[in-house]
C-alpha atoms as a PDB file:
ATOM      1  CA  MET A   1     -53.679  53.663 -87.509  1.00  0.00           C
ATOM      2  CA  HIS A   2     -56.612  51.414 -86.173  1.00  0.00           C
ATOM      3  CA  LEU A   3     -58.931  52.456 -83.049  1.00  0.00           C
ATOM      4  CA  ASN A   4     -56.953  49.418 -81.105  1.00  0.00           C
ATOM      5  CA  GLU A   5     -53.368  50.686 -82.096  1.00  0.00           C
ATOM      6  CA  ILE A   6     -54.083  54.157 -81.136  1.00  0.00           C
ATOM      7  CA  VAL A   7     -56.108  53.012 -77.679  1.00  0.00           C
ATOM      8  CA  ASN A   8     -54.937  50.888 -74.466  1.00  0.00           C
ATOM      9  CA  LEU A   9     -58.449  48.679 -74.969  1.00  0.00           C
ATOM     10  CA  THR A  10     -56.618  46.040 -72.362  1.00  0.00           C
ATOM     11  CA  ARG A  11     -56.101  49.195 -69.693  1.00  0.00           C
ATOM     12  CA  HIS A  12     -59.348  50.421 -71.212  1.00  0.00           C
ATOM     13  CA  THR A  13     -61.979  48.332 -71.729  1.00  0.00           C
ATOM     14  CA  ILE A  14     -64.977  51.125 -73.067  1.00  0.00           C
ATOM     15  CA  ASN A  15     -66.800  48.550 -74.577  1.00  0.00           C
ATOM     16  CA  ASP A  16     -67.454  46.681 -71.291  1.00  0.00           C
ATOM     17  CA  PRO A  17     -70.707  48.268 -69.723  1.00  0.00           C
ATOM     18  CA  ALA A  18     -69.070  47.488 -66.022  1.00  0.00           C
ATOM     19  CA  PHE A  19     -66.479  49.631 -67.094  1.00  0.00           C
ATOM     20  CA  ARG A  20     -68.679  52.368 -68.460  1.00  0.00           C
ATOM     21  CA  ALA A  21     -70.117  52.916 -64.994  1.00  0.00           C
ATOM     22  CA  THR A  22     -67.338  52.845 -62.801  1.00  0.00           C
ATOM     23  CA  CYS A  23     -66.008  55.334 -64.939  1.00  0.00           C
ATOM     24  CA  ARG A  24     -69.491  57.583 -65.015  1.00  0.00           C
ATOM     25  CA  ASP A  25     -70.039  56.972 -61.157  1.00  0.00           C
ATOM     26  CA  GLN A  26     -66.198  58.590 -61.112  1.00  0.00           C
ATOM     27  CA  LEU A  27     -67.123  61.768 -63.469  1.00  0.00           C
ATOM     28  CA  ASN A  28     -70.791  62.156 -61.686  1.00  0.00           C
ATOM     29  CA  LYS A  29     -68.826  62.188 -58.230  1.00  0.00           C
ATOM     30  CA  GLN A  30     -65.932  64.165 -58.353  1.00  0.00           C
ATOM     31  CA  GLY A  31     -66.533  66.247 -61.792  1.00  0.00           C
ATOM     32  CA  VAL A  32     -63.614  64.878 -63.098  1.00  0.00           C
ATOM     33  CA  LEU A  33     -62.451  61.318 -65.364  1.00  0.00           C
ATOM     34  CA  VAL A  34     -58.591  61.043 -65.605  1.00  0.00           C
ATOM     35  CA  MET A  35     -57.399  57.804 -67.601  1.00  0.00           C
ATOM     36  CA  PRO A  36     -54.153  57.550 -67.703  1.00  0.00           C
ATOM     37  CA  GLU A  37     -52.449  55.876 -70.868  1.00  0.00           C
ATOM     38  CA  PHE A  38     -55.294  56.007 -72.387  1.00  0.00           C
ATOM     39  CA  ALA A  39     -53.869  56.403 -75.740  1.00  0.00           C
ATOM     40  CA  THR A  40     -50.524  53.963 -76.653  1.00  0.00           C
ATOM     41  CA  LYS A  41     -47.188  55.339 -76.968  1.00  0.00           C
ATOM     42  CA  ALA A  42     -46.683  54.955 -80.255  1.00  0.00           C
ATOM     43  CA  ALA A  43     -50.222  56.791 -80.849  1.00  0.00           C
ATOM     44  CA  ILE A  44     -48.620  59.355 -78.676  1.00  0.00           C
ATOM     45  CA  GLU A  45     -45.370  59.318 -80.158  1.00  0.00           C
ATOM     46  CA  ALA A  46     -47.000  59.601 -83.443  1.00  0.00           C
ATOM     47  CA  ILE A  47     -49.270  63.234 -82.372  1.00  0.00           C
ATOM     48  CA  GLN A  48     -45.953  64.730 -81.178  1.00  0.00           C
ATOM     49  CA  VAL A  49     -44.558  64.033 -84.504  1.00  0.00           C
ATOM     50  CA  GLU A  50     -47.159  66.180 -85.824  1.00  0.00           C
ATOM     51  CA  GLY A  51     -47.439  68.466 -83.779  1.00  0.00           C
ATOM     52  CA  GLU A  52     -43.359  69.121 -84.188  1.00  0.00           C
ATOM     53  CA  ALA A  53     -43.676  69.522 -87.887  1.00  0.00           C
ATOM     54  CA  ASN A  54     -46.828  71.967 -87.631  1.00  0.00           C
ATOM     55  CA  ARG A  55     -45.866  74.315 -85.261  1.00  0.00           C
ATOM     56  CA  ASP A  56     -45.204  77.078 -88.083  1.00  0.00           C
ATOM     57  CA  LYS A  57     -48.990  77.559 -88.203  1.00  0.00           C
ATOM     58  CA  VAL A  58     -49.064  77.364 -84.332  1.00  0.00           C
ATOM     59  CA  TYR A  59     -51.770  80.801 -83.641  1.00  0.00           C
ATOM     60  CA  ALA A  60     -50.107  81.925 -80.506  1.00  0.00           C
ATOM     61  CA  ASN A  61     -52.079  85.102 -78.439  1.00  0.00           C
ATOM     62  CA  ARG A  62     -52.263  86.706 -74.930  1.00  0.00           C
ATOM     63  CA  GLU A  63     -55.184  88.085 -73.753  1.00  0.00           C
ATOM     64  CA  GLU A  64     -56.725  89.302 -70.822  1.00  0.00           C
ATOM     65  CA  HIS A  65     -59.715  88.079 -69.772  1.00  0.00           C
ATOM     66  CA  THR A  66     -62.153  87.301 -66.839  1.00  0.00           C
ATOM     67  CA  VAL A  67     -62.845  84.285 -65.527  1.00  0.00           C
ATOM     68  CA  TYR A  68     -66.331  84.117 -66.568  1.00  0.00           C
ATOM     69  CA  LEU A  69     -64.967  84.689 -70.159  1.00  0.00           C
ATOM     70  CA  SER A  70     -67.543  87.653 -70.959  1.00  0.00           C
ATOM     71  CA  ALA A  71     -67.074  91.335 -71.326  1.00  0.00           C
ATOM     72  CA  VAL A  72     -66.485  93.306 -68.492  1.00  0.00           C
ATOM     73  CA  ASP A  73     -69.245  94.460 -67.050  1.00  0.00           C
ATOM     74  CA  PRO A  74     -70.112  97.749 -66.057  1.00  0.00           C
ATOM     75  CA  ALA A  75     -72.396  97.540 -63.303  1.00  0.00           C
ATOM     76  CA  PHE A  76     -69.401  96.126 -61.096  1.00  0.00           C
ATOM     77  CA  PRO A  77     -66.630  98.179 -59.815  1.00  0.00           C
ATOM     78  CA  ALA A  78     -63.085  97.236 -61.800  1.00  0.00           C
ATOM     79  CA  ASP A  79     -61.834  95.822 -59.446  1.00  0.00           C
ATOM     80  CA  HIS A  80     -65.145  93.747 -58.385  1.00  0.00           C
ATOM     81  CA  THR A  81     -64.451  89.335 -58.866  1.00  0.00           C
ATOM     82  CA  ARG A  82     -66.808  90.119 -61.491  1.00  0.00           C
ATOM     83  CA  ASN A  83     -64.546  92.417 -63.624  1.00  0.00           C
ATOM     84  CA  ARG A  84     -60.839  90.916 -62.355  1.00  0.00           C
ATOM     85  CA  MET A  85     -58.511  90.533 -64.986  1.00  0.00           C
ATOM     86  CA  VAL A  86     -56.388  87.345 -65.505  1.00  0.00           C
ATOM     87  CA  VAL A  87     -53.984  86.711 -67.929  1.00  0.00           C
ATOM     88  CA  SER A  88     -54.134  83.219 -70.370  1.00  0.00           C
ATOM     89  CA  SER A  89     -51.066  82.540 -73.301  1.00  0.00           C
ATOM     90  CA  LYS A  90     -50.738  79.978 -75.480  1.00  0.00           C
ATOM     91  CA  GLY A  91     -50.311  78.334 -79.176  1.00  0.00           C
ATOM     92  CA  CYS A  92     -53.051  76.409 -81.046  1.00  0.00           C
ATOM     93  CA  ILE A  93     -52.996  74.513 -84.746  1.00  0.00           C
ATOM     94  CA  THR A  94     -56.883  73.951 -85.710  1.00  0.00           C
ATOM     95  CA  ASP A  95     -58.836  70.471 -87.152  1.00  0.00           C
ATOM     96  CA  ASP A  96     -57.838  71.431 -90.306  1.00  0.00           C
ATOM     97  CA  VAL A  97     -54.259  72.024 -90.173  1.00  0.00           C
ATOM     98  CA  LEU A  98     -53.576  68.146 -88.369  1.00  0.00           C
ATOM     99  CA  PRO A  99     -52.781  65.508 -91.132  1.00  0.00           C
ATOM    100  CA  GLY A 100     -56.266  63.049 -93.055  1.00  0.00           C
ATOM    101  CA  ASP A 101     -54.441  60.343 -91.252  1.00  0.00           C
ATOM    102  CA  SER A 102     -54.166  61.737 -87.841  1.00  0.00           C
ATOM    103  CA  PRO A 103     -53.875  59.577 -84.363  1.00  0.00           C
ATOM    104  CA  LEU A 104     -56.178  62.266 -83.092  1.00  0.00           C
ATOM    105  CA  ARG A 105     -59.091  62.433 -86.162  1.00  0.00           C
ATOM    106  CA  THR A 106     -59.439  58.903 -85.946  1.00  0.00           C
ATOM    107  CA  LEU A 107     -59.875  58.326 -82.380  1.00  0.00           C
ATOM    108  CA  TYR A 108     -62.385  61.471 -82.870  1.00  0.00           C
ATOM    109  CA  ASP A 109     -64.411  60.145 -85.038  1.00  0.00           C
ATOM    110  CA  ALA A 110     -64.672  56.195 -84.171  1.00  0.00           C
ATOM    111  CA  PRO A 111     -68.028  55.257 -83.542  1.00  0.00           C
ATOM    112  CA  GLU A 112     -67.077  53.352 -80.471  1.00  0.00           C
ATOM    113  CA  PHE A 113     -65.147  56.223 -78.515  1.00  0.00           C
ATOM    114  CA  ARG A 114     -68.019  58.498 -79.564  1.00  0.00           C
ATOM    115  CA  ASP A 115     -70.580  55.638 -78.309  1.00  0.00           C
ATOM    116  CA  PHE A 116     -68.295  55.655 -75.219  1.00  0.00           C
ATOM    117  CA  LEU A 117     -68.144  59.564 -74.334  1.00  0.00           C
ATOM    118  CA  CYS A 118     -72.133  59.776 -74.781  1.00  0.00           C
ATOM    119  CA  ASP A 119     -72.931  56.920 -72.358  1.00  0.00           C
ATOM    120  CA  ILE A 120     -70.420  58.521 -69.587  1.00  0.00           C
ATOM    121  CA  LEU A 121     -71.694  62.142 -70.193  1.00  0.00           C
ATOM    122  CA  GLY A 122     -75.136  61.152 -70.440  1.00  0.00           C
ATOM    123  CA  GLU A 123     -75.515  62.755 -73.815  1.00  0.00           C
ATOM    124  CA  GLU A 124     -77.816  61.182 -76.992  1.00  0.00           C
ATOM    125  CA  ARG A 125     -74.961  61.503 -79.523  1.00  0.00           C
ATOM    126  CA  LEU A 126     -72.681  63.768 -79.893  1.00  0.00           C
ATOM    127  CA  TYR A 127     -71.636  65.869 -82.977  1.00  0.00           C
ATOM    128  CA  ASN A 128     -68.712  67.996 -84.964  1.00  0.00           C
ATOM    129  CA  TYR A 129     -68.584  71.258 -84.936  1.00  0.00           C
ATOM    130  CA  ALA A 130     -69.854  72.628 -88.386  1.00  0.00           C
ATOM    131  CA  ASP A 131     -66.980  74.844 -89.256  1.00  0.00           C
ATOM    132  CA  PRO A 132     -63.350  72.938 -90.369  1.00  0.00           C
ATOM    133  CA  LEU A 133     -61.754  74.600 -87.325  1.00  0.00           C
ATOM    134  CA  SER A 134     -62.721  73.824 -83.725  1.00  0.00           C
ATOM    135  CA  SER A 135     -63.327  70.144 -83.365  1.00  0.00           C
ATOM    136  CA  VAL A 136     -59.724  68.516 -82.810  1.00  0.00           C
ATOM    137  CA  ASN A 137     -57.434  71.674 -82.175  1.00  0.00           C
ATOM    138  CA  LEU A 138     -53.701  70.752 -80.547  1.00  0.00           C
ATOM    139  CA  HIS A 139     -52.657  73.517 -77.875  1.00  0.00           C
ATOM    140  CA  TYR A 140     -48.557  74.545 -77.156  1.00  0.00           C
ATOM    141  CA  ALA A 141     -47.601  75.990 -73.870  1.00  0.00           C
ATOM    142  CA  GLU A 142     -44.501  77.482 -74.423  1.00  0.00           C
ATOM    143  CA  THR A 143     -41.961  78.068 -71.175  1.00  0.00           C
ATOM    144  CA  GLY A 144     -43.943  80.711 -68.783  1.00  0.00           C
ATOM    145  CA  GLN A 145     -47.029  80.881 -70.780  1.00  0.00           C
ATOM    146  CA  GLU A 146     -50.449  79.467 -68.732  1.00  0.00           C
ATOM    147  CA  LEU A 147     -54.418  79.066 -69.135  1.00  0.00           C
ATOM    148  CA  GLY A 148     -55.911  81.626 -66.416  1.00  0.00           C
ATOM    149  CA  TRP A 149     -58.475  80.686 -64.450  1.00  0.00           C
ATOM    150  CA  HIS A 150     -62.108  80.614 -65.807  1.00  0.00           C
ATOM    151  CA  PHE A 151     -64.974  78.740 -65.613  1.00  0.00           C
ATOM    152  CA  ASP A 152     -66.197  76.756 -69.519  1.00  0.00           C
ATOM    153  CA  TYR A 153     -69.119  77.637 -71.254  1.00  0.00           C
ATOM    154  CA  SER A 154     -70.261  74.242 -72.321  1.00  0.00           C
ATOM    155  CA  SER A 155     -70.495  71.842 -69.975  1.00  0.00           C
ATOM    156  CA  PHE A 156     -67.979  68.954 -70.513  1.00  0.00           C
ATOM    157  CA  ALA A 157     -64.393  69.268 -71.487  1.00  0.00           C
ATOM    158  CA  ILE A 158     -62.276  66.217 -73.515  1.00  0.00           C
ATOM    159  CA  THR A 159     -58.640  66.471 -73.629  1.00  0.00           C
ATOM    160  CA  LEU A 160     -55.718  64.128 -74.365  1.00  0.00           C
ATOM    161  CA  MET A 161     -52.293  65.005 -72.929  1.00  0.00           C
ATOM    162  CA  VAL A 162     -49.586  64.098 -75.379  1.00  0.00           C
ATOM    163  CA  GLN A 163     -46.535  66.550 -73.819  1.00  0.00           C
ATOM    164  CA  PRO A 164     -46.814  67.401 -70.480  1.00  0.00           C
ATOM    165  CA  THR A 165     -44.134  69.894 -69.120  1.00  0.00           C
ATOM    166  CA  THR A 166     -41.045  68.735 -67.507  1.00  0.00           C
ATOM    167  CA  SER A 167     -41.732  71.412 -64.581  1.00  0.00           C
ATOM    168  CA  GLY A 168     -45.184  73.191 -63.601  1.00  0.00           C
ATOM    169  CA  GLY A 169     -48.223  73.104 -66.579  1.00  0.00           C
ATOM    170  CA  GLU A 170     -50.609  71.763 -63.864  1.00  0.00           C
ATOM    171  CA  PHE A 171     -54.189  71.091 -63.900  1.00  0.00           C
ATOM    172  CA  GLU A 172     -55.365  72.980 -61.027  1.00  0.00           C
ATOM    173  CA  TYR A 173     -59.422  73.222 -60.359  1.00  0.00           C
ATOM    174  CA  VAL A 174     -61.816  73.708 -57.536  1.00  0.00           C
ATOM    175  CA  SER A 175     -65.603  72.097 -58.039  1.00  0.00           C
ATOM    176  CA  ALA A 176     -69.174  73.243 -57.868  1.00  0.00           C
ATOM    177  CA  LEU A 177     -68.263  77.026 -57.340  1.00  0.00           C
ATOM    178  CA  ARG A 178     -71.291  77.948 -58.917  1.00  0.00           C
ATOM    179  CA  ALA A 179     -74.265  77.771 -60.439  1.00  0.00           C
ATOM    180  CA  ALA A 180     -74.466  78.913 -63.660  1.00  0.00           C
ATOM    181  CA  ASP A 181     -77.854  77.645 -64.699  1.00  0.00           C
ATOM    182  CA  ALA A 182     -79.295  79.439 -61.506  1.00  0.00           C
ATOM    183  CA  GLY A 183     -77.670  82.542 -61.739  1.00  0.00           C
ATOM    184  CA  ASP A 184     -75.482  82.130 -58.931  1.00  0.00           C
ATOM    185  CA  MET A 185     -71.947  83.383 -59.896  1.00  0.00           C
ATOM    186  CA  ASN A 186     -70.758  83.321 -56.243  1.00  0.00           C
ATOM    187  CA  PHE A 187     -68.378  86.093 -56.324  1.00  0.00           C
ATOM    188  CA  ASN A 188     -67.156  85.319 -52.781  1.00  0.00           C
ATOM    189  CA  GLY A 189     -66.214  81.829 -53.545  1.00  0.00           C
ATOM    190  CA  VAL A 190     -64.418  82.862 -57.157  1.00  0.00           C
ATOM    191  CA  ALA A 191     -62.043  85.745 -54.768  1.00  0.00           C
ATOM    192  CA  ASP A 192     -61.020  83.263 -52.273  1.00  0.00           C
ATOM    193  CA  VAL A 193     -59.805  81.561 -54.622  1.00  0.00           C
ATOM    194  CA  LEU A 194     -57.774  84.196 -57.126  1.00  0.00           C
ATOM    195  CA  ASP A 195     -56.365  85.885 -53.924  1.00  0.00           C
ATOM    196  CA  GLY A 196     -55.034  82.296 -52.900  1.00  0.00           C
ATOM    197  CA  ARG A 197     -57.495  81.589 -49.573  1.00  0.00           C
ATOM    198  CA  THR A 198     -59.229  78.433 -51.017  1.00  0.00           C
ATOM    199  CA  ALA A 199     -57.059  75.615 -51.243  1.00  0.00           C
ATOM    200  CA  VAL A 200     -57.480  74.094 -54.951  1.00  0.00           C
ATOM    201  CA  LYS A 201     -57.185  70.526 -56.608  1.00  0.00           C
ATOM    202  CA  ARG A 202     -54.471  69.544 -58.987  1.00  0.00           C
ATOM    203  CA  LEU A 203     -54.118  67.329 -61.597  1.00  0.00           C
ATOM    204  CA  SER A 204     -51.176  66.378 -62.624  1.00  0.00           C
ATOM    205  CA  MET A 205     -50.871  64.127 -66.265  1.00  0.00           C
ATOM    206  CA  ASN A 206     -48.976  61.538 -68.178  1.00  0.00           C
ATOM    207  CA  ALA A 207     -48.297  61.591 -71.619  1.00  0.00           C
ATOM    208  CA  GLY A 208     -51.600  59.497 -72.688  1.00  0.00           C
ATOM    209  CA  ALA A 209     -54.366  60.148 -70.361  1.00  0.00           C
ATOM    210  CA  LEU A 210     -57.427  61.428 -71.200  1.00  0.00           C
ATOM    211  CA  VAL A 211     -59.406  63.634 -69.074  1.00  0.00           C
ATOM    212  CA  LEU A 212     -62.972  63.877 -68.825  1.00  0.00           C
ATOM    213  CA  PHE A 213     -64.023  67.583 -67.090  1.00  0.00           C
ATOM    214  CA  ARG A 214     -67.483  69.276 -66.124  1.00  0.00           C
ATOM    215  CA  GLY A 215     -65.857  72.605 -66.106  1.00  0.00           C
ATOM    216  CA  ARG A 216     -68.533  74.904 -66.224  1.00  0.00           C
ATOM    217  CA  ASN A 217     -69.537  75.460 -62.842  1.00  0.00           C
ATOM    218  CA  SER A 218     -65.488  74.119 -61.933  1.00  0.00           C
ATOM    219  CA  LEU A 219     -63.221  77.498 -61.688  1.00  0.00           C
ATOM    220  CA  HIS A 220     -59.621  75.417 -63.698  1.00  0.00           C
ATOM    221  CA  ARG A 221     -56.397  77.361 -64.584  1.00  0.00           C
ATOM    222  CA  VAL A 222     -53.092  75.621 -66.093  1.00  0.00           C
ATOM    223  CA  THR A 223     -50.208  76.981 -64.174  1.00  0.00           C
ATOM    224  CA  PRO A 224     -47.643  78.154 -65.986  1.00  0.00           C
ATOM    225  CA  ASN A 225     -44.986  76.388 -67.773  1.00  0.00           C
ATOM    226  CA  GLU A 226     -41.249  76.555 -65.757  1.00  0.00           C
ATOM    227  CA  GLY A 227     -39.390  73.770 -68.061  1.00  0.00           C
ATOM    228  CA  SER A 228     -38.012  74.137 -71.041  1.00  0.00           C
ATOM    229  CA  GLN A 229     -40.219  71.695 -73.239  1.00  0.00           C
ATOM    230  CA  THR A 230     -42.997  72.696 -74.336  1.00  0.00           C
ATOM    231  CA  ARG A 231     -46.266  71.287 -73.487  1.00  0.00           C
ATOM    232  CA  MET A 232     -48.828  69.997 -75.969  1.00  0.00           C
ATOM    233  CA  LEU A 233     -52.741  68.947 -75.230  1.00  0.00           C
ATOM    234  CA  ALA A 234     -55.412  67.717 -77.339  1.00  0.00           C
ATOM    235  CA  VAL A 235     -58.955  68.879 -77.268  1.00  0.00           C
ATOM    236  CA  LEU A 236     -61.130  66.896 -78.633  1.00  0.00           C
ATOM    237  CA  ALA A 237     -64.220  69.122 -79.167  1.00  0.00           C
ATOM    238  CA  TYR A 238     -68.006  68.049 -79.242  1.00  0.00           C
ATOM    239  CA  ASN A 239     -71.995  69.315 -79.467  1.00  0.00           C
ATOM    240  CA  THR A 240     -74.651  67.477 -78.181  1.00  0.00           C
ATOM    241  CA  GLU A 241     -76.723  68.981 -81.357  1.00  0.00           C
ATOM    242  CA  PRO A 242     -75.923  69.410 -85.170  1.00  0.00           C
ATOM    243  CA  GLY A 243     -74.864  72.025 -87.028  1.00  0.00           C
ATOM    244  CA  ILE A 244     -73.174  74.323 -84.892  1.00  0.00           C
ATOM    245  CA  ALA A 245     -70.155  76.768 -85.723  1.00  0.00           C
ATOM    246  CA  LEU A 246     -68.059  78.903 -84.123  1.00  0.00           C
ATOM    247  CA  SER A 247     -69.145  82.472 -84.260  1.00  0.00           C
ATOM    248  CA  LYS A 248     -66.500  84.449 -86.425  1.00  0.00           C
ATOM    249  CA  GLU A 249     -65.393  86.612 -83.824  1.00  0.00           C
ATOM    250  CA  ALA A 250     -64.799  83.259 -82.260  1.00  0.00           C
ATOM    251  CA  GLN A 251     -62.829  82.026 -84.483  1.00  0.00           C
ATOM    252  CA  MET A 252     -60.542  85.054 -84.723  1.00  0.00           C
ATOM    253  CA  THR A 253     -59.946  85.615 -81.157  1.00  0.00           C
ATOM    254  CA  PHE A 254     -59.057  81.702 -80.526  1.00  0.00           C
ATOM    255  CA  TYR A 255     -57.433  81.020 -83.733  1.00  0.00           C
ATOM    256  CA  GLY A 256     -56.211  83.914 -85.377  1.00  0.00           C
ATOM    257  CA  ARG A 257     -58.616  83.900 -88.677  1.00  0.00           C
ATOM    258  CA  THR A 258     -61.719  82.598 -89.836  1.00  0.00           C
ATOM    259  CA  ALA A 259     -63.174  79.572 -91.779  1.00  0.00           C
END
């Protein structure tokens, strides 16, 4: 498939400076940009077929982790917010499993799409991961699976909803909850979210929606899948510098194998 068969370019005029300016302004102000029906119905159906065909290659795992995605810090009590544990359970197939002609791969590699992302994100260039596993992943959440509260390592995330749940599986977030670069982890604010004292924002995305999210300082999660339909979400991962690869340890954690 060509890019014009994958992206709804009539609705999302990614080469138009005015459209880009609107997208950039929304992302900068809200920390999230949702583009409904970004991918065409034909492209989404093709990706769903690929996802089902590769179910036997899914690496599924369940892990407990802190919201800061770092090891427990013995300088704090076990029940301190810094060391509070949450659960993430999901499945994933890696870049090297996707067919060479997958619409996901065509979209990820398309110069027009990458130039659009650079403009919106304020980056000069975006690069593939140097390892063959990490650039494009397809995530699966079966009934009962979830993604626990956490902050991202990277300053931005790009995802494409392939197949939503029939119930549950909502993306919840609280914007600008910490200032990581300044060393402010905002333990009290995080505790308020974990204990339900802070109202959260929710995104419900239909198949084909592209989402850009700044998650380094915004706490976020995906609630448990309460329906019978598997949630499928494509993650398009880029780096702002060339030659970056996930460590062998991270590959084992995320994918159950190394490149």
